PDB file of all heavy atoms in Angstrom:
ATOM      1  N   ALA A   1     -38.820 -12.146 -72.631  1.00  0.00           N
ATOM      2  CA  ALA A   1     -39.321 -13.275 -71.847  1.00  0.00           C
ATOM      3  C   ALA A   1     -38.182 -14.211 -71.470  1.00  0.00           C
ATOM      4  O   ALA A   1     -38.114 -14.706 -70.336  1.00  0.00           O
ATOM      5  CB  ALA A   1     -40.395 -14.026 -72.633  1.00  0.00           C
ATOM      6  N   ALA A   2     -37.280 -14.473 -72.400  1.00  0.00           N
ATOM      7  CA  ALA A   2     -36.149 -15.356 -72.116  1.00  0.00           C
ATOM      8  C   ALA A   2     -35.289 -14.797 -70.994  1.00  0.00           C
ATOM      9  O   ALA A   2     -34.859 -15.530 -70.085  1.00  0.00           O
ATOM     10  CB  ALA A   2     -35.314 -15.557 -73.383  1.00  0.00           C
ATOM     11  N   ALA A   3     -35.030 -13.491 -71.038  1.00  0.00           N
ATOM     12  CA  ALA A   3     -34.236 -12.861 -69.980  1.00  0.00           C
ATOM     13  C   ALA A   3     -34.973 -12.891 -68.650  1.00  0.00           C
ATOM     14  O   ALA A   3     -34.357 -13.053 -67.589  1.00  0.00           O
ATOM     15  CB  ALA A   3     -33.904 -11.422 -70.367  1.00  0.00           C
ATOM     16  N   ALA A   4     -36.303 -12.729 -68.686  1.00  0.00           N
ATOM     17  CA  ALA A   4     -37.104 -12.710 -67.456  1.00  0.00           C
ATOM     18  C   ALA A   4     -37.217 -14.083 -66.815  1.00  0.00           C
ATOM     19  O   ALA A   4     -37.397 -14.188 -65.597  1.00  0.00           O
ATOM     20  CB  ALA A   4     -38.499 -12.169 -67.753  1.00  0.00           C
ATOM     21  N   LEU A   5     -37.122 -15.140 -67.626  1.00  0.00           N
ATOM     22  CA  LEU A   5     -37.257 -16.495 -67.101  1.00  0.00           C
ATOM     23  C   LEU A   5     -35.919 -17.137 -66.771  1.00  0.00           C
ATOM     24  O   LEU A   5     -35.826 -17.983 -65.882  1.00  0.00           O
ATOM     25  CB  LEU A   5     -38.013 -17.372 -68.112  1.00  0.00           C
ATOM     26  CG  LEU A   5     -39.478 -16.998 -68.326  1.00  0.00           C
ATOM     27  CD1 LEU A   5     -40.068 -17.800 -69.482  1.00  0.00           C
ATOM     28  CD2 LEU A   5     -40.290 -17.218 -67.060  1.00  0.00           C
ATOM     29  N   GLY A   6     -34.883 -16.786 -67.506  1.00  0.00           N
ATOM     30  CA  GLY A   6     -33.565 -17.352 -67.248  1.00  0.00           C
ATOM     31  C   GLY A   6     -33.384 -18.722 -67.857  1.00  0.00           C
ATOM     32  O   GLY A   6     -32.441 -18.973 -68.602  1.00  0.00           O
ATOM     33  N   VAL A   7     -34.276 -19.627 -67.555  1.00  0.00           N
ATOM     34  CA  VAL A   7     -34.284 -20.964 -68.133  1.00  0.00           C
ATOM     35  C   VAL A   7     -35.741 -21.297 -68.445  1.00  0.00           C
ATOM     36  O   VAL A   7     -36.644 -20.964 -67.672  1.00  0.00           O
ATOM     37  CB  VAL A   7     -33.626 -21.995 -67.182  1.00  0.00           C
ATOM     38  CG1 VAL A   7     -34.380 -22.092 -65.862  1.00  0.00           C
ATOM     39  CG2 VAL A   7     -33.502 -23.361 -67.831  1.00  0.00           C
ATOM     40  N   PHE A   8     -35.972 -21.961 -69.592  1.00  0.00           N
ATOM     41  CA  PHE A   8     -37.358 -22.042 -70.060  1.00  0.00           C
ATOM     42  C   PHE A   8     -37.530 -23.127 -71.109  1.00  0.00           C
ATOM     43  O   PHE A   8     -36.565 -23.595 -71.725  1.00  0.00           O
ATOM     44  CB  PHE A   8     -37.773 -20.700 -70.670  1.00  0.00           C
ATOM     45  CG  PHE A   8     -36.880 -20.246 -71.802  1.00  0.00           C
ATOM     46  CD1 PHE A   8     -37.131 -20.619 -73.104  1.00  0.00           C
ATOM     47  CD2 PHE A   8     -35.765 -19.458 -71.547  1.00  0.00           C
ATOM     48  CE1 PHE A   8     -36.299 -20.236 -74.140  1.00  0.00           C
ATOM     49  CE2 PHE A   8     -34.914 -19.063 -72.569  1.00  0.00           C
ATOM     50  CZ  PHE A   8     -35.180 -19.451 -73.876  1.00  0.00           C
ATOM     51  N   ALA A   9     -38.782 -23.514 -71.310  1.00  0.00           N
ATOM     52  CA  ALA A   9     -39.212 -24.303 -72.456  1.00  0.00           C
ATOM     53  C   ALA A   9     -39.816 -23.346 -73.492  1.00  0.00           C
ATOM     54  O   ALA A   9     -40.308 -22.273 -73.130  1.00  0.00           O
ATOM     55  CB  ALA A   9     -40.248 -25.337 -72.020  1.00  0.00           C
ATOM     56  N   PRO A  10     -39.777 -23.692 -74.782  1.00  0.00           N
ATOM     57  CA  PRO A  10     -40.238 -22.753 -75.807  1.00  0.00           C
ATOM     58  C   PRO A  10     -41.636 -22.203 -75.592  1.00  0.00           C
ATOM     59  O   PRO A  10     -41.870 -20.999 -75.764  1.00  0.00           O
ATOM     60  CB  PRO A  10     -40.143 -23.587 -77.097  1.00  0.00           C
ATOM     61  CG  PRO A  10     -39.012 -24.535 -76.834  1.00  0.00           C
ATOM     62  CD  PRO A  10     -39.147 -24.896 -75.381  1.00  0.00           C
ATOM     63  N   ASN A  11     -42.578 -23.048 -75.215  1.00  0.00           N
ATOM     64  CA  ASN A  11     -43.952 -22.565 -75.043  1.00  0.00           C
ATOM     65  C   ASN A  11     -44.069 -21.503 -73.956  1.00  0.00           C
ATOM     66  O   ASN A  11     -44.959 -20.660 -73.989  1.00  0.00           O
ATOM     67  CB  ASN A  11     -44.899 -23.727 -74.727  1.00  0.00           C
ATOM     68  CG  ASN A  11     -45.333 -24.471 -75.967  1.00  0.00           C
ATOM     69  OD1 ASN A  11     -45.029 -24.062 -77.087  1.00  0.00           O
ATOM     70  ND2 ASN A  11     -46.041 -25.566 -75.778  1.00  0.00           N
ATOM     71  N   TRP A  12     -43.158 -21.545 -72.978  1.00  0.00           N
ATOM     72  CA  TRP A  12     -43.225 -20.563 -71.894  1.00  0.00           C
ATOM     73  C   TRP A  12     -42.880 -19.165 -72.391  1.00  0.00           C
ATOM     74  O   TRP A  12     -43.363 -18.178 -71.837  1.00  0.00           O
ATOM     75  CB  TRP A  12     -42.300 -20.962 -70.752  1.00  0.00           C
ATOM     76  CG  TRP A  12     -42.586 -22.316 -70.186  1.00  0.00           C
ATOM     77  CD1 TRP A  12     -43.697 -23.089 -70.404  1.00  0.00           C
ATOM     78  CD2 TRP A  12     -41.746 -23.068 -69.318  1.00  0.00           C
ATOM     79  NE1 TRP A  12     -43.594 -24.273 -69.730  1.00  0.00           N
ATOM     80  CE2 TRP A  12     -42.406 -24.298 -69.047  1.00  0.00           C
ATOM     81  CE3 TRP A  12     -40.503 -22.840 -68.738  1.00  0.00           C
ATOM     82  CZ2 TRP A  12     -41.856 -25.279 -68.220  1.00  0.00           C
ATOM     83  CZ3 TRP A  12     -39.945 -23.808 -67.916  1.00  0.00           C
ATOM     84  CH2 TRP A  12     -40.626 -25.015 -67.665  1.00  0.00           C
ATOM     85  N   LEU A  13     -42.031 -19.084 -73.421  1.00  0.00           N
ATOM     86  CA  LEU A  13     -41.745 -17.778 -74.016  1.00  0.00           C
ATOM     87  C   LEU A  13     -43.008 -17.188 -74.606  1.00  0.00           C
ATOM     88  O   LEU A  13     -43.305 -16.002 -74.437  1.00  0.00           O
ATOM     89  CB  LEU A  13     -40.694 -17.901 -75.119  1.00  0.00           C
ATOM     90  CG  LEU A  13     -39.240 -18.140 -74.740  1.00  0.00           C
ATOM     91  CD1 LEU A  13     -38.361 -17.863 -75.948  1.00  0.00           C
ATOM     92  CD2 LEU A  13     -38.811 -17.277 -73.570  1.00  0.00           C
ATOM     93  N   ALA A  14     -43.752 -18.009 -75.350  1.00  0.00           N
ATOM     94  CA  ALA A  14     -44.991 -17.528 -75.963  1.00  0.00           C
ATOM     95  C   ALA A  14     -46.015 -17.148 -74.903  1.00  0.00           C
ATOM     96  O   ALA A  14     -46.722 -16.143 -75.027  1.00  0.00           O
ATOM     97  CB  ALA A  14     -45.556 -18.592 -76.895  1.00  0.00           C
ATOM     98  N   GLU A  15     -46.104 -17.936 -73.849  1.00  0.00           N
ATOM     99  CA  GLU A  15     -47.100 -17.688 -72.806  1.00  0.00           C
ATOM    100  C   GLU A  15     -46.805 -16.415 -72.031  1.00  0.00           C
ATOM    101  O   GLU A  15     -47.729 -15.746 -71.548  1.00  0.00           O
ATOM    102  CB  GLU A  15     -47.143 -18.890 -71.848  1.00  0.00           C
ATOM    103  CG  GLU A  15     -48.262 -18.855 -70.827  1.00  0.00           C
ATOM    104  CD  GLU A  15     -49.644 -19.018 -71.445  1.00  0.00           C
ATOM    105  OE1 GLU A  15     -49.737 -19.576 -72.560  1.00  0.00           O
ATOM    106  OE2 GLU A  15     -50.631 -18.582 -70.820  1.00  0.00           O
ATOM    107  N   TYR A  16     -45.534 -16.051 -71.913  1.00  0.00           N
ATOM    108  CA  TYR A  16     -45.159 -14.937 -71.052  1.00  0.00           C
ATOM    109  C   TYR A  16     -45.830 -13.637 -71.490  1.00  0.00           C
ATOM    110  O   TYR A  16     -46.347 -12.881 -70.662  1.00  0.00           O
ATOM    111  CB  TYR A  16     -43.636 -14.775 -71.037  1.00  0.00           C
ATOM    112  CG  TYR A  16     -43.135 -13.991 -69.846  1.00  0.00           C
ATOM    113  CD1 TYR A  16     -42.945 -14.615 -68.619  1.00  0.00           C
ATOM    114  CD2 TYR A  16     -42.859 -12.641 -69.932  1.00  0.00           C
ATOM    115  CE1 TYR A  16     -42.492 -13.913 -67.507  1.00  0.00           C
ATOM    116  CE2 TYR A  16     -42.403 -11.924 -68.828  1.00  0.00           C
ATOM    117  CZ  TYR A  16     -42.226 -12.563 -67.624  1.00  0.00           C
ATOM    118  OH  TYR A  16     -41.791 -11.854 -66.526  1.00  0.00           O
ATOM    119  N   TYR A  17     -45.808 -13.353 -72.777  1.00  0.00           N
ATOM    120  CA  TYR A  17     -46.506 -12.170 -73.302  1.00  0.00           C
ATOM    121  C   TYR A  17     -47.686 -12.553 -74.188  1.00  0.00           C
ATOM    122  O   TYR A  17     -48.203 -11.730 -74.929  1.00  0.00           O
ATOM    123  CB  TYR A  17     -45.538 -11.269 -74.072  1.00  0.00           C
ATOM    124  CG  TYR A  17     -44.567 -10.531 -73.188  1.00  0.00           C
ATOM    125  CD1 TYR A  17     -43.214 -10.862 -73.172  1.00  0.00           C
ATOM    126  CD2 TYR A  17     -45.001  -9.504 -72.347  1.00  0.00           C
ATOM    127  CE1 TYR A  17     -42.324 -10.185 -72.357  1.00  0.00           C
ATOM    128  CE2 TYR A  17     -44.110  -8.830 -71.522  1.00  0.00           C
ATOM    129  CZ  TYR A  17     -42.781  -9.167 -71.535  1.00  0.00           C
ATOM    130  OH  TYR A  17     -41.899  -8.500 -70.716  1.00  0.00           O
ATOM    131  N   TYR A  18     -48.093 -13.798 -74.106  1.00  0.00           N
ATOM    132  CA  TYR A  18     -49.256 -14.325 -74.813  1.00  0.00           C
ATOM    133  C   TYR A  18     -49.142 -14.106 -76.318  1.00  0.00           C
ATOM    134  O   TYR A  18     -50.026 -13.552 -76.974  1.00  0.00           O
ATOM    135  CB  TYR A  18     -50.549 -13.715 -74.267  1.00  0.00           C
ATOM    136  CG  TYR A  18     -51.743 -14.647 -74.397  1.00  0.00           C
ATOM    137  CD1 TYR A  18     -51.767 -15.848 -73.701  1.00  0.00           C
ATOM    138  CD2 TYR A  18     -52.816 -14.344 -75.210  1.00  0.00           C
ATOM    139  CE1 TYR A  18     -52.837 -16.718 -73.819  1.00  0.00           C
ATOM    140  CE2 TYR A  18     -53.896 -15.206 -75.335  1.00  0.00           C
ATOM    141  CZ  TYR A  18     -53.896 -16.388 -74.647  1.00  0.00           C
ATOM    142  OH  TYR A  18     -54.953 -17.261 -74.765  1.00  0.00           O
ATOM    143  N   THR A  19     -48.006 -14.536 -76.858  1.00  0.00           N
ATOM    144  CA  THR A  19     -47.800 -14.484 -78.294  1.00  0.00           C
ATOM    145  C   THR A  19     -48.135 -15.848 -78.899  1.00  0.00           C
ATOM    146  O   THR A  19     -48.450 -16.808 -78.187  1.00  0.00           O
ATOM    147  CB  THR A  19     -46.352 -14.098 -78.631  1.00  0.00           C
ATOM    148  OG1 THR A  19     -45.453 -14.985 -77.948  1.00  0.00           O
ATOM    149  CG2 THR A  19     -46.055 -12.676 -78.179  1.00  0.00           C
ATOM    150  N   ASP A  20     -48.050 -15.938 -80.218  1.00  0.00           N
ATOM    151  CA  ASP A  20     -48.430 -17.143 -80.951  1.00  0.00           C
ATOM    152  C   ASP A  20     -47.492 -18.293 -80.598  1.00  0.00           C
ATOM    153  O   ASP A  20     -46.282 -18.219 -80.824  1.00  0.00           O
ATOM    154  CB  ASP A  20     -48.382 -16.844 -82.452  1.00  0.00           C
ATOM    155  CG  ASP A  20     -48.754 -18.053 -83.295  1.00  0.00           C
ATOM    156  OD1 ASP A  20     -49.315 -19.021 -82.745  1.00  0.00           O
ATOM    157  OD2 ASP A  20     -48.472 -18.022 -84.509  1.00  0.00           O
ATOM    158  N   ARG A  21     -48.042 -19.377 -80.058  1.00  0.00           N
ATOM    159  CA  ARG A  21     -47.210 -20.517 -79.668  1.00  0.00           C
ATOM    160  C   ARG A  21     -46.512 -21.160 -80.862  1.00  0.00           C
ATOM    161  O   ARG A  21     -45.414 -21.700 -80.731  1.00  0.00           O
ATOM    162  CB  ARG A  21     -48.054 -21.573 -78.945  1.00  0.00           C
ATOM    163  CG  ARG A  21     -48.380 -21.227 -77.504  1.00  0.00           C
ATOM    164  CD  ARG A  21     -48.903 -22.443 -76.773  1.00  0.00           C
ATOM    165  NE  ARG A  21     -49.015 -22.193 -75.345  1.00  0.00           N
ATOM    166  CZ  ARG A  21     -49.105 -23.155 -74.428  1.00  0.00           C
ATOM    167  NH1 ARG A  21     -49.094 -24.422 -74.808  1.00  0.00           N
ATOM    168  NH2 ARG A  21     -49.214 -22.865 -73.153  1.00  0.00           N
ATOM    169  N   LYS A  22     -47.172 -21.091 -82.026  1.00  0.00           N
ATOM    170  CA  LYS A  22     -46.573 -21.707 -83.204  1.00  0.00           C
ATOM    171  C   LYS A  22     -45.256 -21.040 -83.586  1.00  0.00           C
ATOM    172  O   LYS A  22     -44.400 -21.651 -84.224  1.00  0.00           O
ATOM    173  CB  LYS A  22     -47.549 -21.641 -84.379  1.00  0.00           C
ATOM    174  CG  LYS A  22     -48.800 -22.488 -84.187  1.00  0.00           C
ATOM    175  CD  LYS A  22     -49.745 -22.341 -85.375  1.00  0.00           C
ATOM    176  CE  LYS A  22     -51.019 -23.149 -85.154  1.00  0.00           C
ATOM    177  NZ  LYS A  22     -51.983 -22.967 -86.286  1.00  0.00           N
ATOM    178  N   SER A  23     -45.096 -19.781 -83.195  1.00  0.00           N
ATOM    179  CA  SER A  23     -43.874 -19.056 -83.551  1.00  0.00           C
ATOM    180  C   SER A  23     -42.736 -19.296 -82.559  1.00  0.00           C
ATOM    181  O   SER A  23     -41.593 -18.913 -82.829  1.00  0.00           O
ATOM    182  CB  SER A  23     -44.163 -17.549 -83.631  1.00  0.00           C
ATOM    183  OG  SER A  23     -44.425 -17.018 -82.332  1.00  0.00           O
ATOM    184  N   ALA A  24     -43.031 -19.939 -81.417  1.00  0.00           N
ATOM    185  CA  ALA A  24     -42.033 -20.067 -80.357  1.00  0.00           C
ATOM    186  C   ALA A  24     -40.771 -20.810 -80.801  1.00  0.00           C
ATOM    187  O   ALA A  24     -39.656 -20.339 -80.543  1.00  0.00           O
ATOM    188  CB  ALA A  24     -42.654 -20.734 -79.130  1.00  0.00           C
ATOM    189  N   PRO A  25     -40.874 -21.972 -81.480  1.00  0.00           N
ATOM    190  CA  PRO A  25     -39.631 -22.650 -81.893  1.00  0.00           C
ATOM    191  C   PRO A  25     -38.756 -21.785 -82.793  1.00  0.00           C
ATOM    192  O   PRO A  25     -37.523 -21.786 -82.653  1.00  0.00           O
ATOM    193  CB  PRO A  25     -40.148 -23.890 -82.638  1.00  0.00           C
ATOM    194  CG  PRO A  25     -41.505 -24.141 -82.052  1.00  0.00           C
ATOM    195  CD  PRO A  25     -42.070 -22.776 -81.797  1.00  0.00           C
ATOM    196  N   GLY A  26     -39.382 -21.028 -83.698  1.00  0.00           N
ATOM    197  CA  GLY A  26     -38.615 -20.151 -84.569  1.00  0.00           C
ATOM    198  C   GLY A  26     -37.931 -19.032 -83.800  1.00  0.00           C
ATOM    199  O   GLY A  26     -36.786 -18.669 -84.098  1.00  0.00           O
ATOM    200  N   MET A  27     -38.624 -18.483 -82.806  1.00  0.00           N
ATOM    201  CA  MET A  27     -38.027 -17.431 -81.989  1.00  0.00           C
ATOM    202  C   MET A  27     -36.837 -17.983 -81.193  1.00  0.00           C
ATOM    203  O   MET A  27     -35.788 -17.342 -81.092  1.00  0.00           O
ATOM    204  CB  MET A  27     -39.064 -16.849 -81.030  1.00  0.00           C
ATOM    205  CG  MET A  27     -40.243 -16.145 -81.680  1.00  0.00           C
ATOM    206  SD  MET A  27     -39.782 -14.728 -82.718  1.00  0.00           S
ATOM    207  CE  MET A  27     -39.902 -15.473 -84.365  1.00  0.00           C
ATOM    208  N   VAL A  28     -37.007 -19.178 -80.637  1.00  0.00           N
ATOM    209  CA  VAL A  28     -35.908 -19.795 -79.885  1.00  0.00           C
ATOM    210  C   VAL A  28     -34.717 -20.045 -80.803  1.00  0.00           C
ATOM    211  O   VAL A  28     -33.566 -19.778 -80.441  1.00  0.00           O
ATOM    212  CB  VAL A  28     -36.379 -21.104 -79.216  1.00  0.00           C
ATOM    213  CG1 VAL A  28     -35.185 -21.851 -78.617  1.00  0.00           C
ATOM    214  CG2 VAL A  28     -37.415 -20.819 -78.143  1.00  0.00           C
ATOM    215  N   ALA A  29     -34.985 -20.530 -82.013  1.00  0.00           N
ATOM    216  CA  ALA A  29     -33.898 -20.797 -82.958  1.00  0.00           C
ATOM    217  C   ALA A  29     -33.122 -19.521 -83.275  1.00  0.00           C
ATOM    218  O   ALA A  29     -31.885 -19.537 -83.377  1.00  0.00           O
ATOM    219  CB  ALA A  29     -34.464 -21.410 -84.239  1.00  0.00           C
ATOM    220  N   GLN A  30     -33.834 -18.406 -83.435  1.00  0.00           N
ATOM    221  CA  GLN A  30     -33.148 -17.142 -83.700  1.00  0.00           C
ATOM    222  C   GLN A  30     -32.298 -16.712 -82.507  1.00  0.00           C
ATOM    223  O   GLN A  30     -31.180 -16.204 -82.680  1.00  0.00           O
ATOM    224  CB  GLN A  30     -34.162 -16.052 -84.049  1.00  0.00           C
ATOM    225  CG  GLN A  30     -34.815 -16.237 -85.409  1.00  0.00           C
ATOM    226  CD  GLN A  30     -35.638 -15.022 -85.814  1.00  0.00           C
ATOM    227  OE1 GLN A  30     -35.118 -13.924 -85.934  1.00  0.00           O
ATOM    228  NE2 GLN A  30     -36.925 -15.233 -86.024  1.00  0.00           N
ATOM    229  N   LEU A  31     -32.821 -16.895 -81.312  1.00  0.00           N
ATOM    230  CA  LEU A  31     -32.065 -16.517 -80.113  1.00  0.00           C
ATOM    231  C   LEU A  31     -30.852 -17.423 -79.906  1.00  0.00           C
ATOM    232  O   LEU A  31     -29.803 -16.975 -79.435  1.00  0.00           O
ATOM    233  CB  LEU A  31     -32.977 -16.544 -78.888  1.00  0.00           C
ATOM    234  CG  LEU A  31     -34.095 -15.493 -78.874  1.00  0.00           C
ATOM    235  CD1 LEU A  31     -35.057 -15.739 -77.710  1.00  0.00           C
ATOM    236  CD2 LEU A  31     -33.521 -14.086 -78.796  1.00  0.00           C
ATOM    237  N   VAL A  32     -30.993 -18.699 -80.250  1.00  0.00           N
ATOM    238  CA  VAL A  32     -29.846 -19.604 -80.204  1.00  0.00           C
ATOM    239  C   VAL A  32     -28.811 -19.168 -81.244  1.00  0.00           C
ATOM    240  O   VAL A  32     -27.602 -19.105 -80.973  1.00  0.00           O
ATOM    241  CB  VAL A  32     -30.281 -21.064 -80.436  1.00  0.00           C
ATOM    242  CG1 VAL A  32     -29.056 -21.967 -80.635  1.00  0.00           C
ATOM    243  CG2 VAL A  32     -31.118 -21.574 -79.268  1.00  0.00           C
ATOM    244  N   GLY A  33     -29.283 -18.847 -82.449  1.00  0.00           N
ATOM    245  CA  GLY A  33     -28.385 -18.425 -83.512  1.00  0.00           C
ATOM    246  C   GLY A  33     -27.602 -17.174 -83.182  1.00  0.00           C
ATOM    247  O   GLY A  33     -26.450 -17.014 -83.603  1.00  0.00           O
ATOM    248  N   SER A  34     -28.225 -16.262 -82.416  1.00  0.00           N
ATOM    249  CA  SER A  34     -27.548 -15.016 -82.042  1.00  0.00           C
ATOM    250  C   SER A  34     -26.653 -15.181 -80.819  1.00  0.00           C
ATOM    251  O   SER A  34     -25.972 -14.233 -80.416  1.00  0.00           O
ATOM    252  CB  SER A  34     -28.592 -13.923 -81.765  1.00  0.00           C
ATOM    253  OG  SER A  34     -29.371 -14.249 -80.627  1.00  0.00           O
ATOM    254  N   GLY A  35     -26.683 -16.377 -80.209  1.00  0.00           N
ATOM    255  CA  GLY A  35     -25.860 -16.625 -79.032  1.00  0.00           C
ATOM    256  C   GLY A  35     -26.466 -16.143 -77.735  1.00  0.00           C
ATOM    257  O   GLY A  35     -25.824 -16.235 -76.679  1.00  0.00           O
ATOM    258  N   GLU A  36     -27.704 -15.651 -77.767  1.00  0.00           N
ATOM    259  CA  GLU A  36     -28.352 -15.150 -76.551  1.00  0.00           C
ATOM    260  C   GLU A  36     -28.925 -16.276 -75.696  1.00  0.00           C
ATOM    261  O   GLU A  36     -29.155 -16.099 -74.495  1.00  0.00           O
ATOM    262  CB  GLU A  36     -29.452 -14.160 -76.918  1.00  0.00           C
ATOM    263  CG  GLU A  36     -28.949 -12.904 -77.621  1.00  0.00           C
ATOM    264  CD  GLU A  36     -30.074 -12.132 -78.260  1.00  0.00           C
ATOM    265  OE1 GLU A  36     -30.478 -12.481 -79.388  1.00  0.00           O
ATOM    266  OE2 GLU A  36     -30.546 -11.174 -77.634  1.00  0.00           O
ATOM    267  N   VAL A  37     -29.168 -17.410 -76.322  1.00  0.00           N
ATOM    268  CA  VAL A  37     -29.791 -18.555 -75.673  1.00  0.00           C
ATOM    269  C   VAL A  37     -29.012 -19.800 -76.071  1.00  0.00           C
ATOM    270  O   VAL A  37     -28.489 -19.884 -77.190  1.00  0.00           O
ATOM    271  CB  VAL A  37     -31.275 -18.660 -76.107  1.00  0.00           C
ATOM    272  CG1 VAL A  37     -31.834 -20.061 -75.891  1.00  0.00           C
ATOM    273  CG2 VAL A  37     -32.122 -17.636 -75.361  1.00  0.00           C
ATOM    274  N   GLU A  38     -28.934 -20.756 -75.147  1.00  0.00           N
ATOM    275  CA  GLU A  38     -28.285 -22.022 -75.479  1.00  0.00           C
ATOM    276  C   GLU A  38     -29.131 -23.179 -74.963  1.00  0.00           C
ATOM    277  O   GLU A  38     -29.790 -23.064 -73.920  1.00  0.00           O
ATOM    278  CB  GLU A  38     -26.880 -22.092 -74.888  1.00  0.00           C
ATOM    279  CG  GLU A  38     -26.826 -22.032 -73.367  1.00  0.00           C
ATOM    280  CD  GLU A  38     -25.408 -21.976 -72.830  1.00  0.00           C
ATOM    281  OE1 GLU A  38     -24.685 -21.018 -73.193  1.00  0.00           O
ATOM    282  OE2 GLU A  38     -25.024 -22.889 -72.068  1.00  0.00           O
ATOM    283  N   PRO A  39     -29.131 -24.304 -75.689  1.00  0.00           N
ATOM    284  CA  PRO A  39     -29.884 -25.463 -75.221  1.00  0.00           C
ATOM    285  C   PRO A  39     -29.202 -26.106 -74.020  1.00  0.00           C
ATOM    286  O   PRO A  39     -27.965 -26.154 -73.949  1.00  0.00           O
ATOM    287  CB  PRO A  39     -29.889 -26.401 -76.432  1.00  0.00           C
ATOM    288  CG  PRO A  39     -28.699 -25.993 -77.230  1.00  0.00           C
ATOM    289  CD  PRO A  39     -28.503 -24.528 -77.000  1.00  0.00           C
ATOM    290  N   VAL A  40     -29.981 -26.561 -73.074  1.00  0.00           N
ATOM    291  CA  VAL A  40     -29.457 -27.248 -71.892  1.00  0.00           C
ATOM    292  C   VAL A  40     -30.362 -28.430 -71.565  1.00  0.00           C
ATOM    293  O   VAL A  40     -31.486 -28.526 -72.065  1.00  0.00           O
ATOM    294  CB  VAL A  40     -29.385 -26.315 -70.658  1.00  0.00           C
ATOM    295  CG1 VAL A  40     -28.358 -25.220 -70.853  1.00  0.00           C
ATOM    296  CG2 VAL A  40     -30.755 -25.732 -70.325  1.00  0.00           C
TER     297      VAL A  40
END
């Protein structure tokens, strides 16, 4: 979802494939930690 959106808010990641919104901040944190995503 992050790659498909390019730039996004956390809830939009969850909405893209209709996953649990509560998990979105944790998923974003992991992607930031891996260097795949950066805050802007």
